[in-house]
Amino acid sequence: FRTNKEDRPFALFAGFNHFRMTSIFGAALLYDETTESFVWLFKTFL
């Protein structure tokens, strides 16, 4: 997904709950999709 007027990547962490419905575990707005941004995001998520 790309959202807002700056066209920034919108990221979702998601999975299945006990009804096999989608559960959202966290969300992020990223400046770019570089390794550095993803490293920061995954560390922050954990």
All heavy atoms as atom14 arrays in JSON, in Angstrom:
{
  "sequence": "FRTNKEDRPFALFAGFNHFRMTSIFGAALLYDETTESFVWLFKTFL",
  "atom14_mask": [
    [1, 1, 1, 1, 1, 1, 1, 1, 1, 1, 1, 0, 0, 0],
    [1, 1, 1, 1, 1, 1, 1, 1, 1, 1, 1, 0, 0, 0],
    [1, 1, 1, 1, 1, 1, 1, 0, 0, 0, 0, 0, 0, 0],
    [1, 1, 1, 1, 1, 1, 1, 1, 0, 0, 0, 0, 0, 0],
    [1, 1, 1, 1, 1, 1, 1, 1, 1, 0, 0, 0, 0, 0],
    [1, 1, 1, 1, 1, 1, 1, 1, 1, 0, 0, 0, 0, 0],
    [1, 1, 1, 1, 1, 1, 1, 1, 0, 0, 0, 0, 0, 0],
    [1, 1, 1, 1, 1, 1, 1, 1, 1, 1, 1, 0, 0, 0],
    [1, 1, 1, 1, 1, 1, 1, 0, 0, 0, 0, 0, 0, 0],
    [1, 1, 1, 1, 1, 1, 1, 1, 1, 1, 1, 0, 0, 0],
    [1, 1, 1, 1, 1, 0, 0, 0, 0, 0, 0, 0, 0, 0],
    [1, 1, 1, 1, 1, 1, 1, 1, 0, 0, 0, 0, 0, 0],
    [1, 1, 1, 1, 1, 1, 1, 1, 1, 1, 1, 0, 0, 0],
    [1, 1, 1, 1, 1, 0, 0, 0, 0, 0, 0, 0, 0, 0],
    [1, 1, 1, 1, 0, 0, 0, 0, 0, 0, 0, 0, 0, 0],
    [1, 1, 1, 1, 1, 1, 1, 1, 1, 1, 1, 0, 0, 0],
    [1, 1, 1, 1, 1, 1, 1, 1, 0, 0, 0, 0, 0, 0],
    [1, 1, 1, 1, 1, 1, 1, 1, 1, 1, 0, 0, 0, 0],
    [1, 1, 1, 1, 1, 1, 1, 1, 1, 1, 1, 0, 0, 0],
    [1, 1, 1, 1, 1, 1, 1, 1, 1, 1, 1, 0, 0, 0],
    [1, 1, 1, 1, 1, 1, 1, 1, 0, 0, 0, 0, 0, 0],
    [1, 1, 1, 1, 1, 1, 1, 0, 0, 0, 0, 0, 0, 0],
    [1, 1, 1, 1, 1, 1, 0, 0, 0, 0, 0, 0, 0, 0],
    [1, 1, 1, 1, 1, 1, 1, 1, 0, 0, 0, 0, 0, 0],
    [1, 1, 1, 1, 1, 1, 1, 1, 1, 1, 1, 0, 0, 0],
    [1, 1, 1, 1, 0, 0, 0, 0, 0, 0, 0, 0, 0, 0],
    [1, 1, 1, 1, 1, 0, 0, 0, 0, 0, 0, 0, 0, 0],
    [1, 1, 1, 1, 1, 0, 0, 0, 0, 0, 0, 0, 0, 0],
    [1, 1, 1, 1, 1, 1, 1, 1, 0, 0, 0, 0, 0, 0],
    [1, 1, 1, 1, 1, 1, 1, 1, 0, 0, 0, 0, 0, 0],
    [1, 1, 1, 1, 1, 1, 1, 1, 1, 1, 1, 1, 0, 0],
    [1, 1, 1, 1, 1, 1, 1, 1, 0, 0, 0, 0, 0, 0],
    [1, 1, 1, 1, 1, 1, 1, 1, 1, 0, 0, 0, 0, 0],
    [1, 1, 1, 1, 1, 1, 1, 0, 0, 0, 0, 0, 0, 0],
    [1, 1, 1, 1, 1, 1, 1, 0, 0, 0, 0, 0, 0, 0],
    [1, 1, 1, 1, 1, 1, 1, 1, 1, 0, 0, 0, 0, 0],
    [1, 1, 1, 1, 1, 1, 0, 0, 0, 0, 0, 0, 0, 0],
    [1, 1, 1, 1, 1, 1, 1, 1, 1, 1, 1, 0, 0, 0],
    [1, 1, 1, 1, 1, 1, 1, 0, 0, 0, 0, 0, 0, 0],
    [1, 1, 1, 1, 1, 1, 1, 1, 1, 1, 1, 1, 1, 1],
    [1, 1, 1, 1, 1, 1, 1, 1, 0, 0, 0, 0, 0, 0],
    [1, 1, 1, 1, 1, 1, 1, 1, 1, 1, 1, 0, 0, 0],
    [1, 1, 1, 1, 1, 1, 1, 1, 1, 0, 0, 0, 0, 0],
    [1, 1, 1, 1, 1, 1, 1, 0, 0, 0, 0, 0, 0, 0],
    [1, 1, 1, 1, 1, 1, 1, 1, 1, 1, 1, 0, 0, 0],
    [1, 1, 1, 1, 1, 1, 1, 1, 0, 0, 0, 0, 0, 0]
  ],
  "atom14_positions": [
    [[0.82, -1.2, 0.0], [0.0, 0.0, 0.0], [0.86, 1.25, 0.0], [1.88, 1.31, 0.68], [-0.92, 0.03, 1.22], [-1.92, -1.08, 1.24], [-1.79, -2.12, 2.14], [-2.96, -1.09, 0.34], [-2.7, -3.16, 2.15], [-3.88, -2.13, 0.34], [-3.74, -3.16, 1.25], [0.0, 0.0, 0.0], [0.0, 0.0, 0.0], [0.0, 0.0, 0.0]],
    [[0.42, 2.24, -0.75], [1.06, 3.56, -0.71], [-0.02, 4.55, -0.31], [-1.09, 4.58, -0.88], [1.61, 3.93, -2.08], [2.69, 2.96, -2.52], [3.98, 3.7, -2.7], [5.06, 2.75, -2.89], [6.32, 3.0, -2.6], [6.63, 4.15, -2.06], [7.25, 2.12, -2.79], [0.0, 0.0, 0.0], [0.0, 0.0, 0.0], [0.0, 0.0, 0.0]],
    [[0.27, 5.35, 0.69], [-0.77, 6.22, 1.19], [-0.23, 7.61, 1.49], [0.96, 7.84, 1.47], [-1.4, 5.63, 2.46], [-2.54, 6.4, 2.8], [-0.45, 5.63, 3.63], [0.0, 0.0, 0.0], [0.0, 0.0, 0.0], [0.0, 0.0, 0.0], [0.0, 0.0, 0.0], [0.0, 0.0, 0.0], [0.0, 0.0, 0.0], [0.0, 0.0, 0.0]],
    [[-1.11, 8.53, 1.74], [-0.95, 9.96, 2.0], [-0.27, 10.67, 0.84], [0.22, 10.06, -0.1], [-0.29, 10.24, 3.37], [1.22, 10.12, 3.39], [1.86, 10.14, 2.36], [1.78, 10.02, 4.57], [0.0, 0.0, 0.0], [0.0, 0.0, 0.0], [0.0, 0.0, 0.0], [0.0, 0.0, 0.0], [0.0, 0.0, 0.0], [0.0, 0.0, 0.0]],
    [[-0.27, 11.98, 0.91], [0.16, 12.77, -0.25], [1.64, 12.66, -0.55], [2.09, 13.01, -1.64], [-0.24, 14.24, -0.06], [0.31, 14.89, 1.2], [-0.31, 16.26, 1.38], [0.2, 16.92, 2.67], [-0.48, 18.21, 2.89], [0.0, 0.0, 0.0], [0.0, 0.0, 0.0], [0.0, 0.0, 0.0], [0.0, 0.0, 0.0], [0.0, 0.0, 0.0]],
    [[2.45, 12.18, 0.41], [3.87, 11.96, 0.13], [4.12, 10.61, -0.51], [5.26, 10.26, -0.81], [4.69, 12.06, 1.43], [4.92, 13.48, 1.92], [3.73, 13.97, 2.73], [2.99, 13.12, 3.24], [3.56, 15.2, 2.84], [0.0, 0.0, 0.0], [0.0, 0.0, 0.0], [0.0, 0.0, 0.0], [0.0, 0.0, 0.0], [0.0, 0.0, 0.0]],
    [[3.06, 9.79, -0.69], [3.19, 8.48, -1.32], [4.16, 7.59, -0.57], [4.97, 6.88, -1.15], [3.64, 8.63, -2.78], [3.37, 7.37, -3.6], [2.35, 6.72, -3.33], [4.19, 7.05, -4.47], [0.0, 0.0, 0.0], [0.0, 0.0, 0.0], [0.0, 0.0, 0.0], [0.0, 0.0, 0.0], [0.0, 0.0, 0.0], [0.0, 0.0, 0.0]],
    [[4.08, 7.61, 0.76], [4.99, 6.82, 1.58], [4.49, 5.38, 1.68], [3.29, 5.13, 1.73], [5.11, 7.43, 2.97], [5.69, 8.82, 2.96], [5.73, 9.44, 4.33], [6.66, 8.76, 5.21], [7.0, 9.2, 6.41], [6.47, 10.32, 6.87], [7.85, 8.54, 7.16], [0.0, 0.0, 0.0], [0.0, 0.0, 0.0], [0.0, 0.0, 0.0]],
    [[5.41, 4.41, 1.72], [4.98, 3.0, 1.89], [4.29, 2.81, 3.24], [4.77, 3.27, 4.27], [6.31, 2.23, 1.84], [7.29, 3.16, 1.2], [6.86, 4.54, 1.56], [0.0, 0.0, 0.0], [0.0, 0.0, 0.0], [0.0, 0.0, 0.0], [0.0, 0.0, 0.0], [0.0, 0.0, 0.0], [0.0, 0.0, 0.0], [0.0, 0.0, 0.0]],
    [[3.17, 2.12, 3.2], [2.41, 1.79, 4.41], [2.57, 0.3, 4.65], [2.26, -0.51, 3.78], [0.94, 2.18, 4.23], [0.07, 1.73, 5.36], [0.35, 2.12, 6.66], [-1.05, 0.94, 5.14], [-0.44, 1.71, 7.72], [-1.87, 0.55, 6.18], [-1.56, 0.93, 7.46], [0.0, 0.0, 0.0], [0.0, 0.0, 0.0], [0.0, 0.0, 0.0]],
    [[3.1, -0.09, 5.81], [3.42, -1.48, 6.09], [2.51, -2.04, 7.18], [2.18, -1.33, 8.14], [4.89, -1.61, 6.52], [0.0, 0.0, 0.0], [0.0, 0.0, 0.0], [0.0, 0.0, 0.0], [0.0, 0.0, 0.0], [0.0, 0.0, 0.0], [0.0, 0.0, 0.0], [0.0, 0.0, 0.0], [0.0, 0.0, 0.0], [0.0, 0.0, 0.0]],
    [[2.13, -3.3, 7.03], [1.29, -3.97, 8.01], [1.92, -5.29, 8.44], [2.38, -6.07, 7.6], [-0.1, -4.27, 7.42], [-1.15, -3.18, 7.44], [-2.43, -3.71, 6.82], [-1.42, -2.68, 8.84], [0.0, 0.0, 0.0], [0.0, 0.0, 0.0], [0.0, 0.0, 0.0], [0.0, 0.0, 0.0], [0.0, 0.0, 0.0], [0.0, 0.0, 0.0]],
    [[1.95, -5.54, 9.74], [2.24, -6.87, 10.29], [0.9, -7.51, 10.6], [0.09, -6.94, 11.33], [3.07, -6.76, 11.57], [4.46, -6.2, 11.38], [4.7, -4.85, 11.48], [5.52, -7.06, 11.11], [5.98, -4.34, 11.33], [6.8, -6.56, 10.95], [7.04, -5.19, 11.05], [0.0, 0.0, 0.0], [0.0, 0.0, 0.0], [0.0, 0.0, 0.0]],
    [[0.65, -8.7, 10.07], [-0.65, -9.33, 10.26], [-0.51, -10.84, 10.36], [0.56, -11.42, 10.08], [-1.6, -8.97, 9.11], [0.0, 0.0, 0.0], [0.0, 0.0, 0.0], [0.0, 0.0, 0.0], [0.0, 0.0, 0.0], [0.0, 0.0, 0.0], [0.0, 0.0, 0.0], [0.0, 0.0, 0.0], [0.0, 0.0, 0.0], [0.0, 0.0, 0.0]],
    [[-1.58, -11.5, 10.78], [-1.59, -12.95, 10.9], [-3.01, -13.46, 11.06], [-3.97, -12.69, 10.94], [0.0, 0.0, 0.0], [0.0, 0.0, 0.0], [0.0, 0.0, 0.0], [0.0, 0.0, 0.0], [0.0, 0.0, 0.0], [0.0, 0.0, 0.0], [0.0, 0.0, 0.0], [0.0, 0.0, 0.0], [0.0, 0.0, 0.0], [0.0, 0.0, 0.0]],
    [[-3.16, -14.77, 11.33], [-4.47, -15.37, 11.54], [-4.77, -15.48, 13.03], [-3.89, -15.85, 13.82], [-4.51, -16.79, 10.95], [-4.63, -16.82, 9.45], [-3.84, -17.69, 8.7], [-5.53, -16.01, 8.79], [-3.94, -17.73, 7.33], [-5.64, -16.04, 7.42], [-4.85, -16.9, 6.68], [0.0, 0.0, 0.0], [0.0, 0.0, 0.0], [0.0, 0.0, 0.0]],
    [[-6.01, -15.17, 13.41], [-6.43, -15.44, 14.79], [-7.11, -16.81, 14.85], [-7.03, -17.6, 13.9], [-7.34, -14.33, 15.32], [-8.65, -14.24, 14.55], [-9.01, -15.12, 13.76], [-9.4, -13.18, 14.78], [0.0, 0.0, 0.0], [0.0, 0.0, 0.0], [0.0, 0.0, 0.0], [0.0, 0.0, 0.0], [0.0, 0.0, 0.0], [0.0, 0.0, 0.0]],
    [[-7.78, -17.12, 15.96], [-8.35, -18.45, 16.14], [-9.58, -18.69, 15.28], [-10.06, -19.83, 15.19], [-8.69, -18.7, 17.62], [-9.49, -17.62, 18.28], [-9.27, -16.29, 18.06], [-10.51, -17.68, 19.16], [-10.11, -15.58, 18.78], [-10.88, -16.39, 19.44], [0.0, 0.0, 0.0], [0.0, 0.0, 0.0], [0.0, 0.0, 0.0], [0.0, 0.0, 0.0]],
    [[-10.12, -17.64, 14.64], [-11.22, -17.81, 13.7], [-10.7, -17.79, 12.26], [-11.48, -17.72, 11.32], [-12.25, -16.7, 13.87], [-13.05, -16.81, 15.15], [-12.69, -16.09, 16.27], [-14.14, -17.67, 15.22], [-13.42, -16.2, 17.45], [-14.87, -17.77, 16.39], [-14.51, -17.05, 17.5], [0.0, 0.0, 0.0], [0.0, 0.0, 0.0], [0.0, 0.0, 0.0]],
    [[-9.37, -17.83, 12.11], [-8.72, -17.68, 10.81], [-9.14, -16.38, 10.14], [-9.25, -16.31, 8.9], [-8.97, -18.9, 9.9], [-8.22, -20.13, 10.39], [-8.23, -21.25, 9.38], [-7.52, -20.93, 8.15], [-6.2, -20.9, 8.01], [-5.42, -21.16, 9.05], [-5.66, -20.62, 6.86], [0.0, 0.0, 0.0], [0.0, 0.0, 0.0], [0.0, 0.0, 0.0]],
    [[-9.38, -15.37, 10.95], [-9.6, -14.02, 10.46], [-8.29, -13.25, 10.62], [-7.44, -13.6, 11.43], [-10.72, -13.33, 11.25], [-12.06, -14.03, 11.16], [-13.28, -13.35, 12.32], [-13.56, -11.74, 11.58], [0.0, 0.0, 0.0], [0.0, 0.0, 0.0], [0.0, 0.0, 0.0], [0.0, 0.0, 0.0], [0.0, 0.0, 0.0], [0.0, 0.0, 0.0]],
    [[-8.15, -12.19, 9.83], [-6.91, -11.43, 9.87], [-6.81, -10.6, 11.13], [-7.72, -9.85, 11.47], [-6.81, -10.5, 8.65], [-6.97, -11.27, 7.46], [-5.48, -9.79, 8.61], [0.0, 0.0, 0.0], [0.0, 0.0, 0.0], [0.0, 0.0, 0.0], [0.0, 0.0, 0.0], [0.0, 0.0, 0.0], [0.0, 0.0, 0.0], [0.0, 0.0, 0.0]],
    [[-5.69, -10.73, 11.83], [-5.37, -9.89, 12.98], [-4.2, -9.01, 12.62], [-3.2, -9.48, 12.05], [-4.99, -10.74, 14.2], [-6.14, -11.26, 14.83], [0.0, 0.0, 0.0], [0.0, 0.0, 0.0], [0.0, 0.0, 0.0], [0.0, 0.0, 0.0], [0.0, 0.0, 0.0], [0.0, 0.0, 0.0], [0.0, 0.0, 0.0], [0.0, 0.0, 0.0]],
    [[-4.31, -7.73, 12.92], [-3.22, -6.78, 12.66], [-2.4, -6.63, 13.93], [-2.93, -6.35, 15.0], [-3.77, -5.43, 12.2], [-4.48, -5.6, 10.85], [-2.66, -4.39, 12.08], [-5.15, -4.35, 10.33], [0.0, 0.0, 0.0], [0.0, 0.0, 0.0], [0.0, 0.0, 0.0], [0.0, 0.0, 0.0], [0.0, 0.0, 0.0], [0.0, 0.0, 0.0]],
    [[-1.08, -6.81, 13.8], [-0.19, -6.77, 14.96], [0.59, -5.45, 15.07], [1.2, -5.18, 16.1], [0.82, -7.92, 14.87], [0.19, -9.28, 14.77], [0.67, -10.22, 13.87], [-0.9, -9.62, 15.55], [0.1, -11.48, 13.77], [-1.48, -10.88, 15.46], [-0.98, -11.8, 14.57], [0.0, 0.0, 0.0], [0.0, 0.0, 0.0], [0.0, 0.0, 0.0]],
    [[0.58, -4.66, 14.03], [1.32, -3.4, 14.06], [1.31, -2.78, 12.69], [1.03, -3.45, 11.68], [0.0, 0.0, 0.0], [0.0, 0.0, 0.0], [0.0, 0.0, 0.0], [0.0, 0.0, 0.0], [0.0, 0.0, 0.0], [0.0, 0.0, 0.0], [0.0, 0.0, 0.0], [0.0, 0.0, 0.0], [0.0, 0.0, 0.0], [0.0, 0.0, 0.0]],
    [[1.6, -1.47, 12.62], [1.59, -0.76, 11.35], [2.72, 0.25, 11.33], [3.24, 0.66, 12.37], [0.25, -0.07, 11.14], [0.0, 0.0, 0.0], [0.0, 0.0, 0.0], [0.0, 0.0, 0.0], [0.0, 0.0, 0.0], [0.0, 0.0, 0.0], [0.0, 0.0, 0.0], [0.0, 0.0, 0.0], [0.0, 0.0, 0.0], [0.0, 0.0, 0.0]],
    [[3.1, 0.63, 10.13], [4.21, 1.57, 10.0], [4.05, 2.42, 8.75], [3.5, 1.97, 7.74], [5.55, 0.82, 9.94], [0.0, 0.0, 0.0], [0.0, 0.0, 0.0], [0.0, 0.0, 0.0], [0.0, 0.0, 0.0], [0.0, 0.0, 0.0], [0.0, 0.0, 0.0], [0.0, 0.0, 0.0], [0.0, 0.0, 0.0], [0.0, 0.0, 0.0]],
    [[4.52, 3.65, 8.84], [4.7, 4.52, 7.68], [6.2, 4.68, 7.49], [6.91, 5.11, 8.4], [4.06, 5.89, 7.92], [2.56, 6.01, 7.66], [2.07, 7.39, 8.05], [2.24, 5.74, 6.2], [0.0, 0.0, 0.0], [0.0, 0.0, 0.0], [0.0, 0.0, 0.0], [0.0, 0.0, 0.0], [0.0, 0.0, 0.0], [0.0, 0.0, 0.0]],
    [[6.67, 4.32, 6.3], [8.1, 4.33, 6.04], [8.49, 5.47, 5.1], [7.68, 5.9, 4.25], [8.53, 3.0, 5.42], [8.25, 1.74, 6.25], [8.64, 0.49, 5.47], [8.99, 1.79, 7.58], [0.0, 0.0, 0.0], [0.0, 0.0, 0.0], [0.0, 0.0, 0.0], [0.0, 0.0, 0.0], [0.0, 0.0, 0.0], [0.0, 0.0, 0.0]],
    [[9.69, 5.94, 5.26], [10.22, 6.97, 4.36], [10.63, 6.35, 3.03], [10.42, 6.93, 1.97], [11.41, 7.66, 5.02], [12.07, 8.72, 4.16], [11.47, 9.97, 4.0], [13.28, 8.46, 3.52], [12.06, 10.93, 3.2], [13.87, 9.42, 2.72], [13.26, 10.66, 2.57], [13.85, 11.62, 1.78], [0.0, 0.0, 0.0], [0.0, 0.0, 0.0]],
    [[11.22, 5.16, 3.1], [11.64, 4.44, 1.9], [11.66, 2.95, 2.21], [11.31, 2.53, 3.31], [13.01, 4.92, 1.41], [14.08, 4.84, 2.5], [13.96, 3.95, 3.39], [15.02, 5.65, 2.5], [0.0, 0.0, 0.0], [0.0, 0.0, 0.0], [0.0, 0.0, 0.0], [0.0, 0.0, 0.0], [0.0, 0.0, 0.0], [0.0, 0.0, 0.0]],
    [[12.05, 2.16, 1.22], [12.09, 0.71, 1.38], [13.53, 0.21, 1.24], [13.81, -0.7, 0.47], [11.16, 0.05, 0.36], [9.7, 0.37, 0.6], [8.76, -0.32, -0.38], [8.49, 0.26, -1.44], [8.32, -1.44, -0.08], [0.0, 0.0, 0.0], [0.0, 0.0, 0.0], [0.0, 0.0, 0.0], [0.0, 0.0, 0.0], [0.0, 0.0, 0.0]],
    [[14.41, 0.8, 2.04], [15.81, 0.39, 2.06], [16.04, -0.62, 3.19], [15.22, -0.75, 4.1], [16.73, 1.6, 2.27], [16.41, 2.21, 3.53], [16.54, 2.62, 1.16], [0.0, 0.0, 0.0], [0.0, 0.0, 0.0], [0.0, 0.0, 0.0], [0.0, 0.0, 0.0], [0.0, 0.0, 0.0], [0.0, 0.0, 0.0], [0.0, 0.0, 0.0]],
    [[17.17, -1.29, 3.13], [17.52, -2.25, 4.19], [17.58, -1.56, 5.54], [17.12, -2.11, 6.55], [18.88, -2.91, 3.87], [18.77, -3.63, 2.63], [19.27, -3.88, 4.97], [0.0, 0.0, 0.0], [0.0, 0.0, 0.0], [0.0, 0.0, 0.0], [0.0, 0.0, 0.0], [0.0, 0.0, 0.0], [0.0, 0.0, 0.0], [0.0, 0.0, 0.0]],
    [[18.12, -0.34, 5.57], [18.25, 0.39, 6.84], [16.9, 0.66, 7.46], [16.72, 0.5, 8.69], [19.0, 1.71, 6.61], [20.47, 1.56, 6.26], [20.7, 1.06, 4.83], [19.75, 1.17, 4.01], [21.79, 0.54, 4.55], [0.0, 0.0, 0.0], [0.0, 0.0, 0.0], [0.0, 0.0, 0.0], [0.0, 0.0, 0.0], [0.0, 0.0, 0.0]],
    [[15.93, 1.07, 6.65], [14.58, 1.33, 7.17], [13.94, 0.06, 7.71], [13.3, 0.05, 8.77], [13.69, 1.95, 6.09], [14.08, 3.28, 5.82], [0.0, 0.0, 0.0], [0.0, 0.0, 0.0], [0.0, 0.0, 0.0], [0.0, 0.0, 0.0], [0.0, 0.0, 0.0], [0.0, 0.0, 0.0], [0.0, 0.0, 0.0], [0.0, 0.0, 0.0]],
    [[14.1, -1.05, 6.97], [13.51, -2.31, 7.41], [14.18, -2.84, 8.68], [13.51, -3.4, 9.55], [13.58, -3.35, 6.29], [12.62, -3.11, 5.17], [13.05, -3.13, 3.85], [11.28, -2.87, 5.42], [12.17, -2.91, 2.8], [10.38, -2.64, 4.38], [10.83, -2.66, 3.07], [0.0, 0.0, 0.0], [0.0, 0.0, 0.0], [0.0, 0.0, 0.0]],
    [[15.5, -2.67, 8.78], [16.19, -3.09, 10.0], [15.66, -2.33, 11.2], [15.36, -2.92, 12.26], [17.72, -2.88, 9.86], [18.4, -2.99, 11.22], [18.31, -3.9, 8.9], [0.0, 0.0, 0.0], [0.0, 0.0, 0.0], [0.0, 0.0, 0.0], [0.0, 0.0, 0.0], [0.0, 0.0, 0.0], [0.0, 0.0, 0.0], [0.0, 0.0, 0.0]],
    [[15.51, -1.02, 11.06], [14.94, -0.22, 12.17], [13.53, -0.7, 12.51], [13.19, -0.87, 13.69], [14.9, 1.25, 11.79], [14.22, 2.09, 12.84], [14.78, 2.65, 13.94], [12.82, 2.43, 12.89], [13.84, 3.31, 14.69], [12.62, 3.19, 14.07], [11.72, 2.15, 12.08], [11.37, 3.68, 14.44], [10.48, 2.65, 12.45], [10.31, 3.4, 13.62]],
    [[12.71, -0.94, 11.48], [11.32, -1.34, 11.71], [11.23, -2.69, 12.4], [10.48, -2.85, 13.37], [10.57, -1.37, 10.38], [9.11, -1.81, 10.45], [8.32, -0.92, 11.4], [8.48, -1.81, 9.07], [0.0, 0.0, 0.0], [0.0, 0.0, 0.0], [0.0, 0.0, 0.0], [0.0, 0.0, 0.0], [0.0, 0.0, 0.0], [0.0, 0.0, 0.0]],
    [[11.99, -3.69, 11.94], [11.92, -5.02, 12.54], [12.42, -5.01, 13.98], [11.86, -5.68, 14.85], [12.69, -6.03, 11.7], [12.1, -6.3, 10.35], [12.9, -6.53, 9.24], [10.72, -6.3, 10.18], [12.33, -6.77, 8.0], [10.15, -6.54, 8.94], [10.96, -6.77, 7.85], [0.0, 0.0, 0.0], [0.0, 0.0, 0.0], [0.0, 0.0, 0.0]],
    [[13.47, -4.26, 14.25], [13.96, -4.14, 15.62], [12.92, -3.47, 16.51], [12.68, -3.89, 17.66], [15.27, -3.35, 15.65], [16.47, -4.12, 15.13], [17.75, -3.29, 15.24], [18.97, -4.09, 14.8], [20.22, -3.27, 14.89], [0.0, 0.0, 0.0], [0.0, 0.0, 0.0], [0.0, 0.0, 0.0], [0.0, 0.0, 0.0], [0.0, 0.0, 0.0]],
    [[12.29, -2.43, 15.99], [11.26, -1.72, 16.76], [10.05, -2.62, 17.0], [9.48, -2.64, 18.1], [10.81, -0.46, 15.99], [11.96, 0.37, 15.75], [9.78, 0.33, 16.78], [0.0, 0.0, 0.0], [0.0, 0.0, 0.0], [0.0, 0.0, 0.0], [0.0, 0.0, 0.0], [0.0, 0.0, 0.0], [0.0, 0.0, 0.0], [0.0, 0.0, 0.0]],
    [[9.67, -3.39, 16.0], [8.54, -4.32, 16.14], [8.81, -5.34, 17.24], [7.95, -5.59, 18.1], [8.29, -5.02, 14.81], [7.23, -6.08, 14.86], [5.89, -5.75, 14.93], [7.57, -7.43, 14.83], [4.9, -6.73, 14.99], [6.6, -8.41, 14.89], [5.27, -8.06, 14.96], [0.0, 0.0, 0.0], [0.0, 0.0, 0.0], [0.0, 0.0, 0.0]],
    [[9.99, -5.93, 17.23], [10.34, -6.92, 18.27], [10.38, -6.28, 19.65], [9.98, -6.89, 20.64], [11.68, -7.57, 17.95], [11.72, -8.48, 16.71], [13.1, -9.07, 16.52], [10.68, -9.58, 16.8], [0.0, 0.0, 0.0], [0.0, 0.0, 0.0], [0.0, 0.0, 0.0], [0.0, 0.0, 0.0], [0.0, 0.0, 0.0], [0.0, 0.0, 0.0]]
  ]
}
